Amino acid sequence: MTEWFPALVYLLCFLTSSACALLLARNYWRTGARMLLWSALCFLFLAGNNFVVIIDMLVLPQTDFRLVRHLFSLAAVGVLLFGFIWDLEE
């Protein structure tokens, strides 16, 4: 593959997760369904994770941001799991 292909994939992943977060948040404001809020926050953290991947792999490849990436992923799954449990109780 060429040199620009991984950068394009990382950028598309970031844009896709950001768009999902935006659309979910917009629908949450419109309907008030809390599951949309938890999903929007999850995708927001996933977009942050993808942004850190771009920084880690392309901008500063000599620095290891693996811990930050794992924390963003953990926050994304944690928020969604918390939302599932919170909405299940009510």
C-alpha atoms as a PDB file:
ATOM      1  CA  MET A   1       0.000   0.000   0.000  1.00  0.00           C
ATOM      2  CA  THR A   2       1.020   3.573  -0.345  1.00  0.00           C
ATOM      3  CA  GLU A   3       1.976   5.874   2.505  1.00  0.00           C
ATOM      4  CA  TRP A   4      -1.255   7.869   2.521  1.00  0.00           C
ATOM      5  CA  PHE A   5      -3.623   4.894   2.850  1.00  0.00           C
ATOM      6  CA  PRO A   6      -3.287   4.394   6.658  1.00  0.00           C
ATOM      7  CA  ALA A   7      -3.714   8.144   7.195  1.00  0.00           C
ATOM      8  CA  LEU A   8      -6.892   8.087   5.114  1.00  0.00           C
ATOM      9  CA  VAL A   9      -8.289   5.148   7.085  1.00  0.00           C
ATOM     10  CA  TYR A  10      -7.518   6.812  10.441  1.00  0.00           C
ATOM     11  CA  LEU A  11      -9.106  10.050   9.283  1.00  0.00           C
ATOM     12  CA  LEU A  12     -12.237   8.304   7.985  1.00  0.00           C
ATOM     13  CA  CYS A  13     -12.624   6.421  11.281  1.00  0.00           C
ATOM     14  CA  PHE A  14     -12.378   9.701  13.198  1.00  0.00           C
ATOM     15  CA  LEU A  15     -14.870  11.452  10.919  1.00  0.00           C
ATOM     16  CA  THR A  16     -17.328   8.557  11.052  1.00  0.00           C
ATOM     17  CA  SER A  17     -17.344   8.278  14.840  1.00  0.00           C
ATOM     18  CA  SER A  18     -17.611  12.073  15.162  1.00  0.00           C
ATOM     19  CA  ALA A  19     -20.562  12.130  12.775  1.00  0.00           C
ATOM     20  CA  CYS A  20     -22.276   9.330  14.703  1.00  0.00           C
ATOM     21  CA  ALA A  21     -21.780  11.216  17.972  1.00  0.00           C
ATOM     22  CA  LEU A  22     -23.173  14.389  16.444  1.00  0.00           C
ATOM     23  CA  LEU A  23     -26.224  12.698  14.950  1.00  0.00           C
ATOM     24  CA  LEU A  24     -26.987  10.793  18.142  1.00  0.00           C
ATOM     25  CA  ALA A  25     -26.635  13.952  20.250  1.00  0.00           C
ATOM     26  CA  ARG A  26     -28.869  15.895  17.888  1.00  0.00           C
ATOM     27  CA  ASN A  27     -31.560  13.230  18.093  1.00  0.00           C
ATOM     28  CA  TYR A  28     -31.212  13.151  21.875  1.00  0.00           C
ATOM     29  CA  TRP A  29     -31.913  16.886  22.062  1.00  0.00           C
ATOM     30  CA  ARG A  30     -34.901  16.386  19.787  1.00  0.00           C
ATOM     31  CA  THR A  31     -36.480  13.358  21.506  1.00  0.00           C
ATOM     32  CA  GLY A  32     -35.008  13.256  25.003  1.00  0.00           C
ATOM     33  CA  ALA A  33     -34.396   9.493  24.876  1.00  0.00           C
ATOM     34  CA  ARG A  34     -31.549   8.906  27.306  1.00  0.00           C
ATOM     35  CA  MET A  35     -30.173   5.891  25.459  1.00  0.00           C
ATOM     36  CA  LEU A  36     -29.283   8.272  22.633  1.00  0.00           C
ATOM     37  CA  LEU A  37     -27.315  10.374  25.127  1.00  0.00           C
ATOM     38  CA  TRP A  38     -25.280   7.401  26.347  1.00  0.00           C
ATOM     39  CA  SER A  39     -24.638   6.277  22.777  1.00  0.00           C
ATOM     40  CA  ALA A  40     -23.586   9.798  21.770  1.00  0.00           C
ATOM     41  CA  LEU A  41     -21.140   9.959  24.676  1.00  0.00           C
ATOM     42  CA  CYS A  42     -19.770   6.543  23.734  1.00  0.00           C
ATOM     43  CA  PHE A  43     -19.160   7.655  20.162  1.00  0.00           C
ATOM     44  CA  LEU A  44     -17.646  10.902  21.422  1.00  0.00           C
ATOM     45  CA  PHE A  45     -15.078   8.915  23.398  1.00  0.00           C
ATOM     46  CA  LEU A  46     -14.493   6.668  20.382  1.00  0.00           C
ATOM     47  CA  ALA A  47     -13.890   9.775  18.270  1.00  0.00           C
ATOM     48  CA  GLY A  48     -11.388  10.926  20.891  1.00  0.00           C
ATOM     49  CA  ASN A  49      -9.743   7.528  20.687  1.00  0.00           C
ATOM     50  CA  ASN A  50      -9.512   7.789  16.907  1.00  0.00           C
ATOM     51  CA  PHE A  51      -8.074  11.291  17.194  1.00  0.00           C
ATOM     52  CA  VAL A  52      -5.376  10.012  19.546  1.00  0.00           C
ATOM     53  CA  VAL A  53      -4.651   7.217  17.039  1.00  0.00           C
ATOM     54  CA  ILE A  54      -4.047   9.879  14.389  1.00  0.00           C
ATOM     55  CA  ILE A  55      -1.731  11.755  16.725  1.00  0.00           C
ATOM     56  CA  ASP A  56       0.010   8.546  17.808  1.00  0.00           C
ATOM     57  CA  MET A  57       0.543   6.990  14.399  1.00  0.00           C
ATOM     58  CA  LEU A  58       0.979   9.987  12.126  1.00  0.00           C
ATOM     59  CA  VAL A  59       1.931  13.166  13.984  1.00  0.00           C
ATOM     60  CA  LEU A  60       4.113  11.893  16.842  1.00  0.00           C
ATOM     61  CA  PRO A  61       5.082   8.298  15.998  1.00  0.00           C
ATOM     62  CA  GLN A  62       8.046   8.380  18.387  1.00  0.00           C
ATOM     63  CA  THR A  63       5.720   8.872  21.392  1.00  0.00           C
ATOM     64  CA  ASP A  64       3.589   6.028  22.739  1.00  0.00           C
ATOM     65  CA  PHE A  65      -0.011   7.070  23.410  1.00  0.00           C
ATOM     66  CA  ARG A  66      -1.247   3.532  23.961  1.00  0.00           C
ATOM     67  CA  LEU A  67      -2.400   4.206  27.538  1.00  0.00           C
ATOM     68  CA  VAL A  68      -4.431   7.253  26.462  1.00  0.00           C
ATOM     69  CA  ARG A  69      -6.023   5.258  23.647  1.00  0.00           C
ATOM     70  CA  HIS A  70      -6.954   2.455  26.033  1.00  0.00           C
ATOM     71  CA  LEU A  71      -8.425   4.940  28.509  1.00  0.00           C
ATOM     72  CA  PHE A  72     -10.604   6.491  25.784  1.00  0.00           C
ATOM     73  CA  SER A  73     -11.806   3.021  24.760  1.00  0.00           C
ATOM     74  CA  LEU A  74     -12.489   2.075  28.361  1.00  0.00           C
ATOM     75  CA  ALA A  75     -14.420   5.315  28.903  1.00  0.00           C
ATOM     76  CA  ALA A  76     -16.507   4.659  25.767  1.00  0.00           C
ATOM     77  CA  VAL A  77     -17.472   1.157  26.844  1.00  0.00           C
ATOM     78  CA  GLY A  78     -17.935   2.257  30.456  1.00  0.00           C
ATOM     79  CA  VAL A  79     -20.313   5.074  29.545  1.00  0.00           C
ATOM     80  CA  LEU A  80     -22.399   2.815  27.344  1.00  0.00           C
ATOM     81  CA  LEU A  81     -22.493   0.062  29.962  1.00  0.00           C
ATOM     82  CA  PHE A  82     -23.436   2.591  32.637  1.00  0.00           C
ATOM     83  CA  GLY A  83     -26.221   3.862  30.398  1.00  0.00           C
ATOM     84  CA  PHE A  84     -27.557   0.354  29.840  1.00  0.00           C
ATOM     85  CA  ILE A  85     -27.587  -0.375  33.575  1.00  0.00           C
ATOM     86  CA  TRP A  86     -28.990   3.052  34.526  1.00  0.00           C
ATOM     87  CA  ASP A  87     -31.861   2.823  32.048  1.00  0.00           C
ATOM     88  CA  LEU A  88     -32.569  -0.800  32.989  1.00  0.00           C
ATOM     89  CA  GLU A  89     -33.213   0.162  36.621  1.00  0.00           C
ATOM     90  CA  GLU A  90     -35.855   2.760  35.759  1.00  0.00           C
END
